[in-house]
N, C-alpha and C. Protein backbone atom coordinates (compact mmCIF):
# COMPACT_ATOMS: atom_id res chain seq x y z
N MET A 1 -13.94 -4.55 -6.26
CA MET A 1 -14.01 -3.85 -5.02
C MET A 1 -14.92 -2.63 -5.22
N THR A 2 -16.11 -2.59 -4.46
CA THR A 2 -16.92 -1.42 -4.67
C THR A 2 -16.71 -0.31 -3.62
N ALA A 3 -16.40 -0.73 -2.36
CA ALA A 3 -16.11 0.27 -1.28
C ALA A 3 -14.83 -0.23 -0.52
N LEU A 4 -14.06 0.74 -0.20
CA LEU A 4 -12.82 0.36 0.54
C LEU A 4 -13.08 0.87 2.02
N ARG A 5 -13.03 -0.11 2.87
CA ARG A 5 -13.25 0.14 4.27
C ARG A 5 -11.85 0.37 5.02
N ALA A 6 -11.86 1.35 5.90
CA ALA A 6 -10.57 1.55 6.68
C ALA A 6 -10.06 0.36 7.39
N GLY A 7 -10.92 -0.51 7.88
CA GLY A 7 -10.56 -1.76 8.58
C GLY A 7 -9.79 -2.70 7.73
N GLU A 8 -9.85 -2.55 6.45
CA GLU A 8 -9.03 -3.41 5.53
C GLU A 8 -7.64 -2.94 5.37
N LEU A 9 -7.35 -1.74 5.62
CA LEU A 9 -6.05 -1.07 5.38
C LEU A 9 -5.39 -1.09 6.77
N THR A 10 -4.62 -2.20 7.00
CA THR A 10 -3.99 -2.42 8.32
C THR A 10 -2.54 -2.39 8.30
N ARG A 11 -1.84 -2.15 7.15
CA ARG A 11 -0.45 -2.18 7.02
C ARG A 11 0.08 -0.91 6.52
N ARG A 12 1.25 -0.41 7.05
CA ARG A 12 1.76 0.85 6.57
C ARG A 12 2.84 0.63 5.50
N ILE A 13 2.69 1.28 4.36
CA ILE A 13 3.75 1.08 3.33
C ILE A 13 4.23 2.54 2.92
N SER A 14 5.35 2.47 2.25
CA SER A 14 5.90 3.75 1.70
C SER A 14 5.99 3.71 0.20
N ILE A 15 5.71 4.74 -0.43
CA ILE A 15 5.76 4.82 -1.87
C ILE A 15 7.00 5.74 -2.28
N GLN A 16 7.92 5.13 -3.03
CA GLN A 16 9.07 5.87 -3.35
C GLN A 16 9.17 6.01 -4.87
N VAL A 17 10.03 7.02 -5.23
CA VAL A 17 10.30 7.32 -6.71
C VAL A 17 11.85 7.32 -6.81
N ASN A 18 12.29 6.82 -8.03
CA ASN A 18 13.75 6.78 -8.34
C ASN A 18 14.23 8.09 -8.53
N SER A 19 15.16 8.55 -7.77
CA SER A 19 15.78 9.83 -7.97
C SER A 19 17.35 9.62 -7.96
N PRO A 20 17.82 9.31 -9.19
CA PRO A 20 19.31 8.99 -9.31
C PRO A 20 20.21 10.06 -8.75
N THR A 21 21.28 9.64 -8.26
CA THR A 21 22.25 10.62 -7.73
C THR A 21 23.65 10.23 -8.38
N GLN A 22 24.70 10.93 -8.06
CA GLN A 22 26.02 10.64 -8.59
C GLN A 22 26.99 10.29 -7.51
N ASP A 23 27.84 9.33 -7.82
CA ASP A 23 28.92 9.09 -6.82
C ASP A 23 30.06 10.04 -6.92
N THR A 24 31.13 9.79 -6.18
CA THR A 24 32.23 10.71 -6.18
C THR A 24 32.95 10.79 -7.55
N PHE A 25 32.73 9.75 -8.31
CA PHE A 25 33.42 9.72 -9.68
C PHE A 25 32.45 10.23 -10.73
N GLY A 26 31.27 10.68 -10.41
CA GLY A 26 30.32 11.29 -11.41
C GLY A 26 29.38 10.24 -12.01
N GLU A 27 29.54 9.00 -11.54
CA GLU A 27 28.69 7.95 -12.03
C GLU A 27 27.27 8.00 -11.47
N GLU A 28 26.30 7.76 -12.36
CA GLU A 28 24.89 7.78 -11.82
C GLU A 28 24.65 6.51 -11.04
N ILE A 29 24.05 6.62 -9.82
CA ILE A 29 23.70 5.51 -9.05
C ILE A 29 22.21 5.62 -8.68
N GLU A 30 21.57 4.43 -8.60
CA GLU A 30 20.11 4.42 -8.31
C GLU A 30 19.91 4.71 -6.88
N SER A 31 18.95 5.71 -6.60
CA SER A 31 18.61 6.19 -5.34
C SER A 31 17.08 6.33 -5.31
N TRP A 32 16.54 5.91 -4.18
CA TRP A 32 15.04 6.03 -4.04
C TRP A 32 14.71 7.00 -2.92
N ALA A 33 13.66 7.80 -3.04
CA ALA A 33 13.19 8.81 -2.14
C ALA A 33 11.75 8.70 -1.98
N GLU A 34 11.26 8.77 -0.69
CA GLU A 34 9.82 8.70 -0.48
C GLU A 34 9.13 9.93 -1.04
N ILE A 35 8.00 9.69 -1.78
CA ILE A 35 7.29 10.90 -2.38
C ILE A 35 6.56 11.60 -1.22
N THR A 36 6.14 12.86 -1.39
CA THR A 36 5.35 13.57 -0.47
C THR A 36 4.18 12.81 -0.12
N ASP A 37 3.87 12.71 1.18
CA ASP A 37 2.69 11.98 1.67
C ASP A 37 2.73 10.51 1.14
N GLY A 38 3.97 9.92 1.08
CA GLY A 38 4.13 8.61 0.48
C GLY A 38 4.01 7.53 1.47
N SER A 39 3.73 7.81 2.78
CA SER A 39 3.47 6.72 3.76
C SER A 39 2.02 6.59 3.88
N VAL A 40 1.46 5.41 3.48
CA VAL A 40 0.02 5.26 3.34
C VAL A 40 -0.36 3.94 4.06
N TRP A 41 -1.63 3.80 4.36
CA TRP A 41 -2.26 2.51 4.84
C TRP A 41 -2.64 1.64 3.64
N ALA A 42 -2.39 0.33 3.78
CA ALA A 42 -2.71 -0.57 2.70
C ALA A 42 -3.23 -1.94 3.21
N GLU A 43 -3.86 -2.65 2.29
CA GLU A 43 -4.17 -4.08 2.50
C GLU A 43 -3.04 -4.81 1.74
N VAL A 44 -2.58 -5.81 2.37
CA VAL A 44 -1.39 -6.56 1.72
C VAL A 44 -1.83 -8.01 1.61
N VAL A 45 -1.78 -8.52 0.37
CA VAL A 45 -2.20 -9.88 0.14
C VAL A 45 -1.03 -10.58 -0.62
N TYR A 46 -0.47 -11.62 -0.07
CA TYR A 46 0.64 -12.40 -0.85
C TYR A 46 0.04 -13.34 -1.77
N LYS A 47 0.55 -13.31 -3.01
CA LYS A 47 0.14 -14.19 -4.08
C LYS A 47 1.23 -15.21 -4.40
N SER A 48 1.15 -15.76 -5.58
CA SER A 48 2.08 -16.85 -5.96
C SER A 48 3.54 -16.37 -5.97
N GLY A 49 4.40 -17.28 -5.84
CA GLY A 49 5.82 -17.13 -6.00
C GLY A 49 6.33 -17.82 -7.28
N GLY A 50 7.53 -17.65 -7.53
CA GLY A 50 8.16 -18.38 -8.67
C GLY A 50 9.64 -18.19 -8.75
N GLU A 51 10.22 -18.63 -9.78
CA GLU A 51 11.65 -18.46 -9.89
C GLU A 51 11.96 -18.04 -11.35
N ARG A 52 13.01 -17.29 -11.54
CA ARG A 52 13.44 -16.91 -12.86
C ARG A 52 14.99 -16.91 -12.87
N SER A 53 15.53 -16.96 -14.04
CA SER A 53 16.95 -16.95 -14.21
C SER A 53 17.55 -15.51 -14.24
N VAL A 54 18.42 -15.28 -13.30
CA VAL A 54 19.22 -13.95 -13.27
C VAL A 54 20.64 -14.30 -13.48
N GLY A 55 21.08 -14.15 -14.64
CA GLY A 55 22.50 -14.52 -15.00
C GLY A 55 22.56 -15.98 -14.74
N PRO A 56 23.65 -16.39 -14.04
CA PRO A 56 23.84 -17.86 -13.83
C PRO A 56 23.07 -18.38 -12.66
N GLN A 57 22.26 -17.55 -11.99
CA GLN A 57 21.55 -18.03 -10.75
C GLN A 57 20.12 -17.95 -10.92
N LEU A 58 19.41 -18.67 -10.10
CA LEU A 58 17.97 -18.62 -10.04
C LEU A 58 17.58 -17.71 -8.92
N ALA A 59 16.61 -16.80 -9.18
CA ALA A 59 16.07 -15.91 -8.12
C ALA A 59 14.62 -16.20 -7.80
N SER A 60 14.32 -16.27 -6.55
CA SER A 60 12.98 -16.50 -6.10
C SER A 60 12.24 -15.23 -6.06
N LEU A 61 10.98 -15.19 -6.69
CA LEU A 61 10.22 -14.05 -6.73
C LEU A 61 8.88 -14.30 -6.04
N GLY A 62 8.40 -13.31 -5.29
CA GLY A 62 7.13 -13.36 -4.66
C GLY A 62 6.19 -12.23 -5.15
N GLN A 63 5.01 -12.45 -5.46
CA GLN A 63 4.15 -11.47 -5.93
C GLN A 63 3.19 -10.99 -4.76
N VAL A 64 2.97 -9.78 -4.59
CA VAL A 64 2.15 -9.23 -3.55
C VAL A 64 1.17 -8.26 -4.10
N VAL A 65 0.00 -8.22 -3.58
CA VAL A 65 -1.02 -7.20 -4.02
C VAL A 65 -1.24 -6.28 -2.95
N PHE A 66 -1.02 -4.92 -3.18
CA PHE A 66 -1.30 -3.91 -2.21
C PHE A 66 -2.52 -3.17 -2.64
N THR A 67 -3.45 -2.86 -1.81
CA THR A 67 -4.61 -2.06 -2.08
C THR A 67 -4.54 -0.79 -1.24
N ILE A 68 -4.64 0.33 -1.84
CA ILE A 68 -4.49 1.63 -1.12
C ILE A 68 -5.60 2.49 -1.55
N ARG A 69 -5.83 3.55 -0.78
CA ARG A 69 -6.80 4.55 -1.23
C ARG A 69 -6.19 5.21 -2.56
N TYR A 70 -7.13 5.70 -3.37
CA TYR A 70 -6.75 6.27 -4.68
C TYR A 70 -5.83 7.40 -4.45
N ARG A 71 -4.77 7.46 -5.43
CA ARG A 71 -3.88 8.58 -5.45
C ARG A 71 -3.43 8.76 -6.92
N ALA A 72 -3.49 9.86 -7.44
CA ALA A 72 -3.14 10.16 -8.87
C ALA A 72 -1.66 10.01 -9.08
N GLY A 73 -1.24 9.56 -10.22
CA GLY A 73 0.12 9.61 -10.77
C GLY A 73 0.99 8.43 -10.30
N LEU A 74 0.46 7.45 -9.64
CA LEU A 74 1.24 6.26 -9.24
C LEU A 74 1.45 5.32 -10.42
N THR A 75 2.63 5.03 -10.73
CA THR A 75 2.92 4.16 -11.92
C THR A 75 3.96 3.11 -11.59
N ALA A 76 4.35 2.30 -12.55
CA ALA A 76 5.40 1.28 -12.40
C ALA A 76 6.75 1.95 -12.19
N LYS A 77 6.87 3.22 -12.46
CA LYS A 77 8.14 3.93 -12.12
C LYS A 77 8.43 4.12 -10.65
N HIS A 78 7.36 3.88 -9.80
CA HIS A 78 7.50 3.97 -8.33
C HIS A 78 7.83 2.58 -7.77
N ARG A 79 8.10 2.62 -6.52
CA ARG A 79 8.23 1.29 -5.81
C ARG A 79 7.55 1.39 -4.48
N ILE A 80 7.36 0.22 -3.81
CA ILE A 80 6.71 0.22 -2.52
C ILE A 80 7.76 -0.36 -1.63
N VAL A 81 7.84 0.18 -0.38
CA VAL A 81 8.66 -0.35 0.75
C VAL A 81 7.73 -0.88 1.72
N TYR A 82 7.78 -2.05 2.09
CA TYR A 82 6.97 -2.66 3.18
C TYR A 82 7.64 -3.64 3.97
N ASP A 83 7.67 -3.47 5.26
CA ASP A 83 8.29 -4.39 6.17
C ASP A 83 9.83 -4.45 5.88
N GLY A 84 10.41 -3.35 5.48
CA GLY A 84 11.88 -3.23 5.20
C GLY A 84 12.32 -3.71 3.86
N ARG A 85 11.40 -4.22 3.00
CA ARG A 85 11.76 -4.69 1.68
C ARG A 85 11.20 -3.81 0.54
N GLY A 86 11.99 -3.72 -0.58
CA GLY A 86 11.51 -2.94 -1.71
C GLY A 86 10.71 -3.93 -2.70
N TYR A 87 9.66 -3.35 -3.15
CA TYR A 87 8.77 -4.13 -4.08
C TYR A 87 8.68 -3.34 -5.40
N ASP A 88 9.05 -3.91 -6.45
CA ASP A 88 8.92 -3.35 -7.84
C ASP A 88 7.43 -3.41 -8.24
N ILE A 89 6.91 -2.24 -8.69
CA ILE A 89 5.49 -2.23 -9.16
C ILE A 89 5.48 -2.83 -10.51
N LEU A 90 4.54 -3.87 -10.68
CA LEU A 90 4.36 -4.44 -12.00
C LEU A 90 3.20 -3.75 -12.74
N GLU A 91 2.18 -3.45 -11.97
CA GLU A 91 0.87 -2.97 -12.51
C GLU A 91 0.21 -2.15 -11.50
N VAL A 92 -0.56 -1.12 -11.89
CA VAL A 92 -1.43 -0.41 -11.05
C VAL A 92 -2.75 -0.38 -11.71
N GLN A 93 -3.74 -0.86 -10.96
CA GLN A 93 -5.09 -1.05 -11.43
C GLN A 93 -6.02 -0.06 -10.69
N ASP A 94 -6.75 0.73 -11.53
CA ASP A 94 -7.74 1.63 -10.85
C ASP A 94 -9.01 0.77 -10.75
N THR A 95 -9.68 0.88 -9.57
CA THR A 95 -10.81 0.03 -9.36
C THR A 95 -12.01 0.68 -10.13
N GLY A 96 -11.97 1.84 -10.74
CA GLY A 96 -13.00 2.35 -11.55
C GLY A 96 -13.83 3.29 -10.79
N ASN A 97 -13.75 3.36 -9.54
CA ASN A 97 -14.69 4.30 -8.69
C ASN A 97 -13.88 5.40 -8.03
N ALA A 98 -12.64 5.59 -8.43
CA ALA A 98 -11.77 6.55 -7.81
C ALA A 98 -11.64 6.48 -6.27
N ALA A 99 -11.86 5.33 -5.80
CA ALA A 99 -11.77 5.12 -4.33
C ALA A 99 -10.45 4.36 -3.98
N ALA A 100 -9.96 3.50 -4.81
CA ALA A 100 -8.84 2.69 -4.51
C ALA A 100 -7.98 2.40 -5.71
N LEU A 101 -6.75 1.95 -5.40
CA LEU A 101 -5.83 1.40 -6.39
C LEU A 101 -5.42 0.02 -5.92
N VAL A 102 -5.35 -0.85 -6.87
CA VAL A 102 -4.77 -2.19 -6.64
C VAL A 102 -3.41 -2.27 -7.36
N ILE A 103 -2.42 -2.53 -6.59
CA ILE A 103 -1.04 -2.51 -7.07
C ILE A 103 -0.39 -3.92 -6.99
N VAL A 104 -0.04 -4.44 -8.09
CA VAL A 104 0.65 -5.70 -8.23
C VAL A 104 2.07 -5.42 -8.18
N ALA A 105 2.80 -6.08 -7.26
CA ALA A 105 4.26 -5.85 -7.16
C ALA A 105 4.93 -7.13 -6.93
N GLN A 106 6.18 -7.07 -7.05
CA GLN A 106 7.11 -8.33 -6.73
C GLN A 106 8.31 -7.99 -6.04
N VAL A 107 8.79 -8.84 -5.18
CA VAL A 107 10.04 -8.74 -4.46
C VAL A 107 10.91 -9.92 -4.73
N ARG A 108 12.22 -9.56 -4.81
CA ARG A 108 13.19 -10.62 -4.99
C ARG A 108 13.57 -11.18 -3.56
N MET A 109 13.38 -12.47 -3.43
CA MET A 109 13.58 -13.09 -2.15
C MET A 109 14.88 -13.94 -2.04
N ASP A 110 16.00 -13.55 -2.72
CA ASP A 110 17.17 -14.29 -2.52
C ASP A 110 18.11 -13.69 -1.65
């Protein structure tokens, strides 16, 4: 991708970071919070799906590629929320021209 056009970024996504909290018993629980300016426009492309074993069950997985304008510091420690679902970031690819990031993510569809 050499240039990123605004017309390609037609979907709104949120970028979140894990910020663990504690329950009433002092146990750490996973909690996600949107980062500052974490709501951004993106291009969303659905890729292949698949299945994997999660304990005694099979879980259906779908892979999605999000393209956004470049932002520093985005890693697989973050997640994306799009259309009410959480997507685990598998890989963040810099396009090399500091204009865009390509984010490969997956959602569990069970």
